[in-house]
Amino acid sequence: MSDKAAILRQLKIKTGVAKRLFKEHRSYVLEEEQQKIKLDKFIADNAEDWDIKNARRMLEESHKMIDDTAKRLGDAVQDLRQLLVAAEKDPSLTDEEDVLKAKEVLEEVSV
């Protein structure tokens, strides 16, 4: 496999990883918001201690997952950025579809 093909393959893989982790991170943020609302409702309704304790535990788990996915997303973005820099050094790769798509995804997930 040529260098060009290897770089394009890695770009495709790392672009997919970044997109998936971004989606996963967003999902956990949404879940945390829902768990917070649920916990607040339990507290307001004077629910049983077990329900409140369980809701707090679920909220903590969501928060841990947000931290975890944020770290993994950061690592994936950094890997993708480094690979893009390497790809941009090769003039034959600048107009490749995978390079352009990687740039779009990098912009999307870096926001």
PDB file of N, CA and C in Angstrom:
ATOM      1  N   MET A   1       0.854  -1.176   0.000  1.00  0.00           N
ATOM      2  CA  MET A   1       0.000   0.000   0.000  1.00  0.00           C
ATOM      3  C   MET A   1       0.901   1.240   0.000  1.00  0.00           C
ATOM      4  N   SER A   2       0.554   2.155  -0.848  1.00  0.00           N
ATOM      5  CA  SER A   2       1.365   3.366  -0.941  1.00  0.00           C
ATOM      6  C   SER A   2       1.127   4.272   0.261  1.00  0.00           C
ATOM      7  N   ASP A   3       2.033   5.230   0.404  1.00  0.00           N
ATOM      8  CA  ASP A   3       1.907   6.202   1.488  1.00  0.00           C
ATOM      9  C   ASP A   3       0.602   6.981   1.374  1.00  0.00           C
ATOM     10  N   LYS A   4       0.263   7.365   0.167  1.00  0.00           N
ATOM     11  CA  LYS A   4      -0.957   8.139  -0.086  1.00  0.00           C
ATOM     12  C   LYS A   4      -2.187   7.339   0.343  1.00  0.00           C
ATOM     13  N   ALA A   5      -2.242   6.085  -0.056  1.00  0.00           N
ATOM     14  CA  ALA A   5      -3.377   5.235   0.299  1.00  0.00           C
ATOM     15  C   ALA A   5      -3.459   5.022   1.803  1.00  0.00           C
ATOM     16  N   ALA A   6      -2.320   4.864   2.450  1.00  0.00           N
ATOM     17  CA  ALA A   6      -2.290   4.651   3.901  1.00  0.00           C
ATOM     18  C   ALA A   6      -2.786   5.894   4.633  1.00  0.00           C
ATOM     19  N   ILE A   7      -2.353   7.064   4.170  1.00  0.00           N
ATOM     20  CA  ILE A   7      -2.790   8.312   4.807  1.00  0.00           C
ATOM     21  C   ILE A   7      -4.290   8.503   4.632  1.00  0.00           C
ATOM     22  N   LEU A   8      -4.788   8.240   3.420  1.00  0.00           N
ATOM     23  CA  LEU A   8      -6.225   8.392   3.164  1.00  0.00           C
ATOM     24  C   LEU A   8      -7.041   7.413   4.006  1.00  0.00           C
ATOM     25  N   ARG A   9      -6.535   6.204   4.152  1.00  0.00           N
ATOM     26  CA  ARG A   9      -7.237   5.201   4.973  1.00  0.00           C
ATOM     27  C   ARG A   9      -7.282   5.655   6.434  1.00  0.00           C
ATOM     28  N   GLN A  10      -6.148   6.121   6.935  1.00  0.00           N
ATOM     29  CA  GLN A  10      -6.098   6.600   8.319  1.00  0.00           C
ATOM     30  C   GLN A  10      -6.999   7.827   8.516  1.00  0.00           C
ATOM     31  N   LEU A  11      -7.021   8.699   7.524  1.00  0.00           N
ATOM     32  CA  LEU A  11      -7.902   9.876   7.610  1.00  0.00           C
ATOM     33  C   LEU A  11      -9.363   9.451   7.721  1.00  0.00           C
ATOM     34  N   LYS A  12      -9.738   8.475   6.912  1.00  0.00           N
ATOM     35  CA  LYS A  12     -11.123   7.997   6.930  1.00  0.00           C
ATOM     36  C   LYS A  12     -11.462   7.401   8.299  1.00  0.00           C
ATOM     37  N   ILE A  13     -10.547   6.615   8.833  1.00  0.00           N
ATOM     38  CA  ILE A  13     -10.769   5.979  10.139  1.00  0.00           C
ATOM     39  C   ILE A  13     -10.855   7.034  11.243  1.00  0.00           C
ATOM     40  N   LYS A  14      -9.890   7.933  11.289  1.00  0.00           N
ATOM     41  CA  LYS A  14      -9.841   8.932  12.363  1.00  0.00           C
ATOM     42  C   LYS A  14     -10.981   9.943  12.247  1.00  0.00           C
ATOM     43  N   THR A  15     -11.430  10.206  11.038  1.00  0.00           N
ATOM     44  CA  THR A  15     -12.593  11.079  10.846  1.00  0.00           C
ATOM     45  C   THR A  15     -13.835  10.411  11.427  1.00  0.00           C
ATOM     46  N   GLY A  16     -13.991   9.124  11.153  1.00  0.00           N
ATOM     47  CA  GLY A  16     -15.122   8.375  11.696  1.00  0.00           C
ATOM     48  C   GLY A  16     -15.100   8.317  13.213  1.00  0.00           C
ATOM     49  N   VAL A  17     -13.930   8.129  13.769  1.00  0.00           N
ATOM     50  CA  VAL A  17     -13.781   8.078  15.231  1.00  0.00           C
ATOM     51  C   VAL A  17     -14.187   9.410  15.845  1.00  0.00           C
ATOM     52  N   ALA A  18     -13.707  10.506  15.264  1.00  0.00           N
ATOM     53  CA  ALA A  18     -14.025  11.832  15.803  1.00  0.00           C
ATOM     54  C   ALA A  18     -15.527  12.105  15.712  1.00  0.00           C
ATOM     55  N   LYS A  19     -16.143  11.746  14.599  1.00  0.00           N
ATOM     56  CA  LYS A  19     -17.589  11.959  14.445  1.00  0.00           C
ATOM     57  C   LYS A  19     -18.376  11.151  15.481  1.00  0.00           C
ATOM     58  N   ARG A  20     -17.984   9.897  15.648  1.00  0.00           N
ATOM     59  CA  ARG A  20     -18.693   9.028  16.590  1.00  0.00           C
ATOM     60  C   ARG A  20     -18.553   9.531  18.021  1.00  0.00           C
ATOM     61  N   LEU A  21     -17.349   9.923  18.416  1.00  0.00           N
ATOM     62  CA  LEU A  21     -17.131  10.403  19.776  1.00  0.00           C
ATOM     63  C   LEU A  21     -17.847  11.728  20.024  1.00  0.00           C
ATOM     64  N   PHE A  22     -17.924  12.579  19.007  1.00  0.00           N
ATOM     65  CA  PHE A  22     -18.652  13.835  19.138  1.00  0.00           C
ATOM     66  C   PHE A  22     -20.133  13.561  19.379  1.00  0.00           C
ATOM     67  N   LYS A  23     -20.672  12.628  18.622  1.00  0.00           N
ATOM     68  CA  LYS A  23     -22.085  12.245  18.768  1.00  0.00           C
ATOM     69  C   LYS A  23     -22.338  11.626  20.151  1.00  0.00           C
ATOM     70  N   GLU A  24     -21.418  10.767  20.574  1.00  0.00           N
ATOM     71  CA  GLU A  24     -21.526  10.121  21.881  1.00  0.00           C
ATOM     72  C   GLU A  24     -21.463  11.153  23.001  1.00  0.00           C
ATOM     73  N   HIS A  25     -20.547  12.104  22.887  1.00  0.00           N
ATOM     74  CA  HIS A  25     -20.408  13.153  23.903  1.00  0.00           C
ATOM     75  C   HIS A  25     -21.694  13.970  24.007  1.00  0.00           C
ATOM     76  N   ARG A  26     -22.230  14.357  22.869  1.00  0.00           N
ATOM     77  CA  ARG A  26     -23.492  15.113  22.853  1.00  0.00           C
ATOM     78  C   ARG A  26     -24.617  14.321  23.503  1.00  0.00           C
ATOM     79  N   SER A  27     -24.639  13.036  23.248  1.00  0.00           N
ATOM     80  CA  SER A  27     -25.666  12.168  23.820  1.00  0.00           C
ATOM     81  C   SER A  27     -25.578  12.142  25.351  1.00  0.00           C
ATOM     82  N   TYR A  28     -24.364  12.054  25.879  1.00  0.00           N
ATOM     83  CA  TYR A  28     -24.194  12.038  27.339  1.00  0.00           C
ATOM     84  C   TYR A  28     -24.532  13.385  27.971  1.00  0.00           C
ATOM     85  N   VAL A  29     -24.253  14.467  27.277  1.00  0.00           N
ATOM     86  CA  VAL A  29     -24.622  15.793  27.790  1.00  0.00           C
ATOM     87  C   VAL A  29     -26.141  15.890  27.893  1.00  0.00           C
ATOM     88  N   LEU A  30     -26.825  15.421  26.869  1.00  0.00           N
ATOM     89  CA  LEU A  30     -28.291  15.418  26.888  1.00  0.00           C
ATOM     90  C   LEU A  30     -28.817  14.535  28.014  1.00  0.00           C
ATOM     91  N   GLU A  31     -28.214  13.366  28.171  1.00  0.00           N
ATOM     92  CA  GLU A  31     -28.628  12.447  29.237  1.00  0.00           C
ATOM     93  C   GLU A  31     -28.448  13.089  30.605  1.00  0.00           C
ATOM     94  N   GLU A  32     -27.334  13.799  30.794  1.00  0.00           N
ATOM     95  CA  GLU A  32     -27.084  14.451  32.076  1.00  0.00           C
ATOM     96  C   GLU A  32     -28.162  15.493  32.366  1.00  0.00           C
ATOM     97  N   GLU A  33     -28.546  16.252  31.360  1.00  0.00           N
ATOM     98  CA  GLU A  33     -29.599  17.258  31.542  1.00  0.00           C
ATOM     99  C   GLU A  33     -30.912  16.594  31.951  1.00  0.00           C
ATOM    100  N   GLN A  34     -31.234  15.487  31.302  1.00  0.00           N
ATOM    101  CA  GLN A  34     -32.463  14.765  31.633  1.00  0.00           C
ATOM    102  C   GLN A  34     -32.406  14.193  33.045  1.00  0.00           C
ATOM    103  N   GLN A  35     -31.245  13.663  33.433  1.00  0.00           N
ATOM    104  CA  GLN A  35     -31.097  13.115  34.784  1.00  0.00           C
ATOM    105  C   GLN A  35     -31.217  14.213  35.835  1.00  0.00           C
ATOM    106  N   LYS A  36     -30.698  15.394  35.534  1.00  0.00           N
ATOM    107  CA  LYS A  36     -30.783  16.534  36.463  1.00  0.00           C
ATOM    108  C   LYS A  36     -32.245  16.935  36.664  1.00  0.00           C
ATOM    109  N   ILE A  37     -32.992  16.986  35.580  1.00  0.00           N
ATOM    110  CA  ILE A  37     -34.423  17.318  35.665  1.00  0.00           C
ATOM    111  C   ILE A  37     -35.158  16.267  36.488  1.00  0.00           C
ATOM    112  N   LYS A  38     -34.833  15.014  36.253  1.00  0.00           N
ATOM    113  CA  LYS A  38     -35.472  13.917  36.984  1.00  0.00           C
ATOM    114  C   LYS A  38     -35.162  14.014  38.484  1.00  0.00           C
ATOM    115  N   LEU A  39     -33.889  14.276  38.819  1.00  0.00           N
ATOM    116  CA  LEU A  39     -33.492  14.412  40.218  1.00  0.00           C
ATOM    117  C   LEU A  39     -34.216  15.588  40.869  1.00  0.00           C
ATOM    118  N   ASP A  40     -34.268  16.722  40.190  1.00  0.00           N
ATOM    119  CA  ASP A  40     -34.956  17.894  40.733  1.00  0.00           C
ATOM    120  C   ASP A  40     -36.431  17.593  40.982  1.00  0.00           C
ATOM    121  N   LYS A  41     -37.037  16.839  40.077  1.00  0.00           N
ATOM    122  CA  LYS A  41     -38.457  16.483  40.244  1.00  0.00           C
ATOM    123  C   LYS A  41     -38.637  15.575  41.457  1.00  0.00           C
ATOM    124  N   PHE A  42     -37.739  14.598  41.627  1.00  0.00           N
ATOM    125  CA  PHE A  42     -37.817  13.721  42.795  1.00  0.00           C
ATOM    126  C   PHE A  42     -37.696  14.526  44.091  1.00  0.00           C
ATOM    127  N   ILE A  43     -36.761  15.453  44.121  1.00  0.00           N
ATOM    128  CA  ILE A  43     -36.558  16.267  45.317  1.00  0.00           C
ATOM    129  C   ILE A  43     -37.778  17.137  45.583  1.00  0.00           C
ATOM    130  N   ALA A  44     -38.330  17.746  44.545  1.00  0.00           N
ATOM    131  CA  ALA A  44     -39.497  18.617  44.690  1.00  0.00           C
ATOM    132  C   ALA A  44     -40.732  17.835  45.147  1.00  0.00           C
ATOM    133  N   ASP A  45     -40.845  16.597  44.685  1.00  0.00           N
ATOM    134  CA  ASP A  45     -42.006  15.767  45.029  1.00  0.00           C
ATOM    135  C   ASP A  45     -41.807  14.978  46.324  1.00  0.00           C
ATOM    136  N   ASN A  46     -40.701  15.215  47.020  1.00  0.00           N
ATOM    137  CA  ASN A  46     -40.377  14.474  48.245  1.00  0.00           C
ATOM    138  C   ASN A  46     -40.457  12.964  48.025  1.00  0.00           C
ATOM    139  N   ALA A  47     -39.778  12.503  46.983  1.00  0.00           N
ATOM    140  CA  ALA A  47     -39.771  11.075  46.656  1.00  0.00           C
ATOM    141  C   ALA A  47     -39.001  10.310  47.734  1.00  0.00           C
ATOM    142  N   GLU A  48     -39.055   8.999  47.645  1.00  0.00           N
ATOM    143  CA  GLU A  48     -38.346   8.164  48.608  1.00  0.00           C
ATOM    144  C   GLU A  48     -36.844   8.395  48.496  1.00  0.00           C
ATOM    145  N   ASP A  49     -36.159   8.181  49.603  1.00  0.00           N
ATOM    146  CA  ASP A  49     -34.710   8.388  49.639  1.00  0.00           C
ATOM    147  C   ASP A  49     -33.989   7.542  48.589  1.00  0.00           C
ATOM    148  N   TRP A  50     -34.460   6.308  48.411  1.00  0.00           N
ATOM    149  CA  TRP A  50     -33.816   5.425  47.446  1.00  0.00           C
ATOM    150  C   TRP A  50     -33.887   6.016  46.042  1.00  0.00           C
ATOM    151  N   ASP A  51     -35.053   6.552  45.669  1.00  0.00           N
ATOM    152  CA  ASP A  51     -35.213   7.146  44.335  1.00  0.00           C
ATOM    153  C   ASP A  51     -34.272   8.332  44.144  1.00  0.00           C
ATOM    154  N   ILE A  52     -34.178   9.168  45.159  1.00  0.00           N
ATOM    155  CA  ILE A  52     -33.298  10.342  45.077  1.00  0.00           C
ATOM    156  C   ILE A  52     -31.839   9.908  44.997  1.00  0.00           C
ATOM    157  N   LYS A  53     -31.474   8.942  45.844  1.00  0.00           N
ATOM    158  CA  LYS A  53     -30.096   8.450  45.855  1.00  0.00           C
ATOM    159  C   LYS A  53     -29.739   7.817  44.503  1.00  0.00           C
ATOM    160  N   ASN A  54     -30.661   7.043  43.949  1.00  0.00           N
ATOM    161  CA  ASN A  54     -30.430   6.395  42.665  1.00  0.00           C
ATOM    162  C   ASN A  54     -30.319   7.436  41.542  1.00  0.00           C
ATOM    163  N   ALA A  55     -31.152   8.454  41.579  1.00  0.00           N
ATOM    164  CA  ALA A  55     -31.106   9.515  40.565  1.00  0.00           C
ATOM    165  C   ALA A  55     -29.777  10.271  40.645  1.00  0.00           C
ATOM    166  N   ARG A  56     -29.297  10.498  41.853  1.00  0.00           N
ATOM    167  CA  ARG A  56     -27.987  11.165  42.023  1.00  0.00           C
ATOM    168  C   ARG A  56     -26.859  10.304  41.451  1.00  0.00           C
ATOM    169  N   ARG A  57     -26.958   9.005  41.719  1.00  0.00           N
ATOM    170  CA  ARG A  57     -25.942   8.083  41.208  1.00  0.00           C
ATOM    171  C   ARG A  57     -25.947   8.063  39.678  1.00  0.00           C
ATOM    172  N   MET A  58     -27.119   8.065  39.090  1.00  0.00           N
ATOM    173  CA  MET A  58     -27.234   8.088  37.629  1.00  0.00           C
ATOM    174  C   MET A  58     -26.672   9.395  37.064  1.00  0.00           C
ATOM    175  N   LEU A  59     -26.919  10.492  37.756  1.00  0.00           N
ATOM    176  CA  LEU A  59     -26.398  11.792  37.328  1.00  0.00           C
ATOM    177  C   LEU A  59     -24.864  11.802  37.392  1.00  0.00           C
ATOM    178  N   GLU A  60     -24.317  11.229  38.449  1.00  0.00           N
ATOM    179  CA  GLU A  60     -22.861  11.137  38.586  1.00  0.00           C
ATOM    180  C   GLU A  60     -22.257  10.278  37.473  1.00  0.00           C
ATOM    181  N   GLU A  61     -22.926   9.174  37.145  1.00  0.00           N
ATOM    182  CA  GLU A  61     -22.443   8.303  36.063  1.00  0.00           C
ATOM    183  C   GLU A  61     -22.436   9.049  34.737  1.00  0.00           C
ATOM    184  N   SER A  62     -23.488   9.811  34.484  1.00  0.00           N
ATOM    185  CA  SER A  62     -23.549  10.592  33.250  1.00  0.00           C
ATOM    186  C   SER A  62     -22.404  11.600  33.210  1.00  0.00           C
ATOM    187  N   HIS A  63     -22.151  12.223  34.343  1.00  0.00           N
ATOM    188  CA  HIS A  63     -21.067  13.211  34.407  1.00  0.00           C
ATOM    189  C   HIS A  63     -19.709  12.550  34.148  1.00  0.00           C
ATOM    190  N   LYS A  64     -19.501  11.362  34.700  1.00  0.00           N
ATOM    191  CA  LYS A  64     -18.251  10.638  34.471  1.00  0.00           C
ATOM    192  C   LYS A  64     -18.086  10.298  32.989  1.00  0.00           C
ATOM    193  N   MET A  65     -19.192   9.907  32.359  1.00  0.00           N
ATOM    194  CA  MET A  65     -19.130   9.554  30.942  1.00  0.00           C
ATOM    195  C   MET A  65     -18.856  10.787  30.084  1.00  0.00           C
ATOM    196  N   ILE A  66     -19.366  11.934  30.494  1.00  0.00           N
ATOM    197  CA  ILE A  66     -19.092  13.175  29.765  1.00  0.00           C
ATOM    198  C   ILE A  66     -17.597  13.479  29.834  1.00  0.00           C
ATOM    199  N   ASP A  67     -17.025  13.363  31.023  1.00  0.00           N
ATOM    200  CA  ASP A  67     -15.589  13.604  31.186  1.00  0.00           C
ATOM    201  C   ASP A  67     -14.772  12.631  30.336  1.00  0.00           C
ATOM    202  N   ASP A  68     -15.174  11.354  30.359  1.00  0.00           N
ATOM    203  CA  ASP A  68     -14.455  10.324  29.611  1.00  0.00           C
ATOM    204  C   ASP A  68     -14.532  10.584  28.108  1.00  0.00           C
ATOM    205  N   THR A  69     -15.734  10.840  27.602  1.00  0.00           N
ATOM    206  CA  THR A  69     -15.869  11.061  26.159  1.00  0.00           C
ATOM    207  C   THR A  69     -15.207  12.365  25.738  1.00  0.00           C
ATOM    208  N   ALA A  70     -15.203  13.365  26.608  1.00  0.00           N
ATOM    209  CA  ALA A  70     -14.538  14.628  26.275  1.00  0.00           C
ATOM    210  C   ALA A  70     -13.035  14.394  26.110  1.00  0.00           C
ATOM    211  N   LYS A  71     -12.465  13.583  26.983  1.00  0.00           N
ATOM    212  CA  LYS A  71     -11.031  13.287  26.894  1.00  0.00           C
ATOM    213  C   LYS A  71     -10.736  12.492  25.623  1.00  0.00           C
ATOM    214  N   ARG A  72     -11.531  11.464  25.364  1.00  0.00           N
ATOM    215  CA  ARG A  72     -11.309  10.648  24.170  1.00  0.00           C
ATOM    216  C   ARG A  72     -11.528  11.468  22.898  1.00  0.00           C
ATOM    217  N   LEU A  73     -12.535  12.352  22.922  1.00  0.00           N
ATOM    218  CA  LEU A  73     -12.780  13.217  21.767  1.00  0.00           C
ATOM    219  C   LEU A  73     -11.604  14.157  21.542  1.00  0.00           C
ATOM    220  N   GLY A  74     -11.072  14.713  22.617  1.00  0.00           N
ATOM    221  CA  GLY A  74      -9.909  15.586  22.505  1.00  0.00           C
ATOM    222  C   GLY A  74      -8.718  14.865  21.890  1.00  0.00           C
ATOM    223  N   ASP A  75      -8.496  13.628  22.332  1.00  0.00           N
ATOM    224  CA  ASP A  75      -7.395  12.830  21.775  1.00  0.00           C
ATOM    225  C   ASP A  75      -7.628  12.537  20.293  1.00  0.00           C
ATOM    226  N   ALA A  76      -8.875  12.199  19.948  1.00  0.00           N
ATOM    227  CA  ALA A  76      -9.195  11.885  18.552  1.00  0.00           C
ATOM    228  C   ALA A  76      -9.039  13.109  17.663  1.00  0.00           C
ATOM    229  N   VAL A  77      -9.457  14.269  18.158  1.00  0.00           N
ATOM    230  CA  VAL A  77      -9.319  15.508  17.391  1.00  0.00           C
ATOM    231  C   VAL A  77      -7.845  15.826  17.183  1.00  0.00           C
ATOM    232  N   GLN A  78      -7.047  15.642  18.213  1.00  0.00           N
ATOM    233  CA  GLN A  78      -5.611  15.902  18.098  1.00  0.00           C
ATOM    234  C   GLN A  78      -4.972  14.961  17.068  1.00  0.00           C
ATOM    235  N   ASP A  79      -5.332  13.677  17.115  1.00  0.00           N
ATOM    236  CA  ASP A  79      -4.802  12.714  16.142  1.00  0.00           C
ATOM    237  C   ASP A  79      -5.211  13.097  14.719  1.00  0.00           C
ATOM    238  N   LEU A  80      -6.474  13.463  14.554  1.00  0.00           N
ATOM    239  CA  LEU A  80      -6.976  13.844  13.239  1.00  0.00           C
ATOM    240  C   LEU A  80      -6.265  15.096  12.737  1.00  0.00           C
ATOM    241  N   ARG A  81      -6.080  16.053  13.618  1.00  0.00           N
ATOM    242  CA  ARG A  81      -5.405  17.297  13.235  1.00  0.00           C
ATOM    243  C   ARG A  81      -3.967  17.013  12.785  1.00  0.00           C
ATOM    244  N   GLN A  82      -3.261  16.163  13.528  1.00  0.00           N
ATOM    245  CA  GLN A  82      -1.878  15.826  13.163  1.00  0.00           C
ATOM    246  C   GLN A  82      -1.821  15.103  11.816  1.00  0.00           C
ATOM    247  N   LEU A  83      -2.767  14.211  11.586  1.00  0.00           N
ATOM    248  CA  LEU A  83      -2.797  13.485  10.332  1.00  0.00           C
ATOM    249  C   LEU A  83      -3.136  14.422   9.172  1.00  0.00           C
ATOM    250  N   LEU A  84      -4.012  15.371   9.411  1.00  0.00           N
ATOM    251  CA  LEU A  84      -4.343  16.354   8.377  1.00  0.00           C
ATOM    252  C   LEU A  84      -3.128  17.212   8.023  1.00  0.00           C
ATOM    253  N   VAL A  85      -2.376  17.598   9.020  1.00  0.00           N
ATOM    254  CA  VAL A  85      -1.159  18.382   8.772  1.00  0.00           C
ATOM    255  C   VAL A  85      -0.207  17.573   7.901  1.00  0.00           C
ATOM    256  N   ALA A  86      -0.056  16.297   8.214  1.00  0.00           N
ATOM    257  CA  ALA A  86       0.820  15.438   7.414  1.00  0.00           C
ATOM    258  C   ALA A  86       0.276  15.287   5.996  1.00  0.00           C
ATOM    259  N   ALA A  87      -1.033  15.162   5.855  1.00  0.00           N
ATOM    260  CA  ALA A  87      -1.640  15.002   4.536  1.00  0.00           C
ATOM    261  C   ALA A  87      -1.506  16.268   3.704  1.00  0.00           C
ATOM    262  N   GLU A  88      -1.572  17.420   4.343  1.00  0.00           N
ATOM    263  CA  GLU A  88      -1.491  18.681   3.612  1.00  0.00           C
ATOM    264  C   GLU A  88      -0.077  18.953   3.093  1.00  0.00           C
ATOM    265  N   LYS A  89       0.899  18.258   3.620  1.00  0.00           N
ATOM    266  CA  LYS A  89       2.274  18.406   3.122  1.00  0.00           C
ATOM    267  C   LYS A  89       2.439  17.761   1.748  1.00  0.00           C
ATOM    268  N   ASP A  90       1.539  16.836   1.431  1.00  0.00           N
ATOM    269  CA  ASP A  90       1.572  16.157   0.125  1.00  0.00           C
ATOM    270  C   ASP A  90       0.586  16.862  -0.806  1.00  0.00           C
ATOM    271  N   PRO A  91       1.088  17.585  -1.813  1.00  0.00           N
ATOM    272  CA  PRO A  91       0.203  18.356  -2.692  1.00  0.00           C
ATOM    273  C   PRO A  91      -0.816  17.499  -3.451  1.00  0.00           C
ATOM    274  N   SER A  92      -0.516  16.231  -3.658  1.00  0.00           N
ATOM    275  CA  SER A  92      -1.457  15.370  -4.393  1.00  0.00           C
ATOM    276  C   SER A  92      -2.677  15.000  -3.552  1.00  0.00           C
ATOM    277  N   LEU A  93      -2.619  15.254  -2.252  1.00  0.00           N
ATOM    278  CA  LEU A  93      -3.732  14.896  -1.360  1.00  0.00           C
ATOM    279  C   LEU A  93      -4.681  16.061  -1.075  1.00  0.00           C
ATOM    280  N   THR A  94      -4.311  17.279  -1.431  1.00  0.00           N
ATOM    281  CA  THR A  94      -5.085  18.451  -1.004  1.00  0.00           C
ATOM    282  C   THR A  94      -6.519  18.454  -1.508  1.00  0.00           C
ATOM    283  N   ASP A  95      -6.777  17.876  -2.674  1.00  0.00           N
ATOM    284  CA  ASP A  95      -8.131  17.880  -3.226  1.00  0.00           C
ATOM    285  C   ASP A  95      -8.857  16.553  -3.054  1.00  0.00           C
ATOM    286  N   GLU A  96      -8.287  15.655  -2.311  1.00  0.00           N
ATOM    287  CA  GLU A  96      -8.928  14.354  -2.075  1.00  0.00           C
ATOM    288  C   GLU A  96     -10.180  14.529  -1.226  1.00  0.00           C
ATOM    289  N   GLU A  97     -11.193  13.751  -1.533  1.00  0.00           N
ATOM    290  CA  GLU A  97     -12.474  13.829  -0.820  1.00  0.00           C
ATOM    291  C   GLU A  97     -12.319  13.540   0.677  1.00  0.00           C
ATOM    292  N   ASP A  98     -11.497  12.552   1.014  1.00  0.00           N
ATOM    293  CA  ASP A  98     -11.295  12.195   2.425  1.00  0.00           C
ATOM    294  C   ASP A  98     -10.625  13.326   3.206  1.00  0.00           C
ATOM    295  N   VAL A  99      -9.732  14.062   2.565  1.00  0.00           N
ATOM    296  CA  VAL A  99      -9.054  15.187   3.223  1.00  0.00           C
ATOM    297  C   VAL A  99     -10.055  16.307   3.476  1.00  0.00           C
ATOM    298  N   LEU A 100     -10.878  16.595   2.469  1.00  0.00           N
ATOM    299  CA  LEU A 100     -11.882  17.658   2.616  1.00  0.00           C
ATOM    300  C   LEU A 100     -12.907  17.299   3.684  1.00  0.00           C
ATOM    301  N   LYS A 101     -13.323  16.041   3.693  1.00  0.00           N
ATOM    302  CA  LYS A 101     -14.292  15.587   4.698  1.00  0.00           C
ATOM    303  C   LYS A 101     -13.683  15.654   6.100  1.00  0.00           C
ATOM    304  N   ALA A 102     -12.418  15.286   6.217  1.00  0.00           N
ATOM    305  CA  ALA A 102     -11.737  15.336   7.519  1.00  0.00           C
ATOM    306  C   ALA A 102     -11.680  16.774   8.022  1.00  0.00           C
ATOM    307  N   LYS A 103     -11.432  17.715   7.125  1.00  0.00           N
ATOM    308  CA  LYS A 103     -11.398  19.127   7.528  1.00  0.00           C
ATOM    309  C   LYS A 103     -12.767  19.580   8.025  1.00  0.00           C
ATOM    310  N   GLU A 104     -13.825  19.183   7.327  1.00  0.00           N
ATOM    311  CA  GLU A 104     -15.191  19.541   7.745  1.00  0.00           C
ATOM    312  C   GLU A 104     -15.497  18.972   9.128  1.00  0.00           C
ATOM    313  N   VAL A 105     -15.188  17.715   9.322  1.00  0.00           N
ATOM    314  CA  VAL A 105     -15.465  17.072  10.607  1.00  0.00           C
ATOM    315  C   VAL A 105     -14.645  17.722  11.711  1.00  0.00           C
ATOM    316  N   LEU A 106     -13.402  18.055  11.416  1.00  0.00           N
ATOM    317  CA  LEU A 106     -12.547  18.705  12.402  1.00  0.00           C
ATOM    318  C   LEU A 106     -13.143  20.041  12.830  1.00  0.00           C
ATOM    319  N   GLU A 107     -13.653  20.800  11.887  1.00  0.00           N
ATOM    320  CA  GLU A 107     -14.301  22.064  12.230  1.00  0.00           C
ATOM    321  C   GLU A 107     -15.552  21.832  13.072  1.00  0.00           C
ATOM    322  N   GLU A 108     -16.335  20.832  12.691  1.00  0.00           N
ATOM    323  CA  GLU A 108     -17.586  20.544  13.396  1.00  0.00           C
ATOM    324  C   GLU A 108     -17.353  20.123  14.849  1.00  0.00           C
ATOM    325  N   VAL A 109     -16.399  19.236  15.068  1.00  0.00           N
ATOM    326  CA  VAL A 109     -16.205  18.696  16.413  1.00  0.00           C
ATOM    327  C   VAL A 109     -15.329  19.574  17.278  1.00  0.00           C
ATOM    328  N   SER A 110     -14.642  20.532  16.692  1.00  0.00           N
ATOM    329  CA  SER A 110     -13.790  21.420  17.469  1.00  0.00           C
ATOM    330  C   SER A 110     -14.556  22.579  18.085  1.00  0.00           C
ATOM    331  N   VAL A 111     -15.783  22.770  17.682  1.00  0.00           N
ATOM    332  CA  VAL A 111     -16.580  23.905  18.171  1.00  0.00           C
ATOM    333  C   VAL A 111     -17.040  23.689  19.570  1.00  0.00           C
TER     334      VAL A 111
END
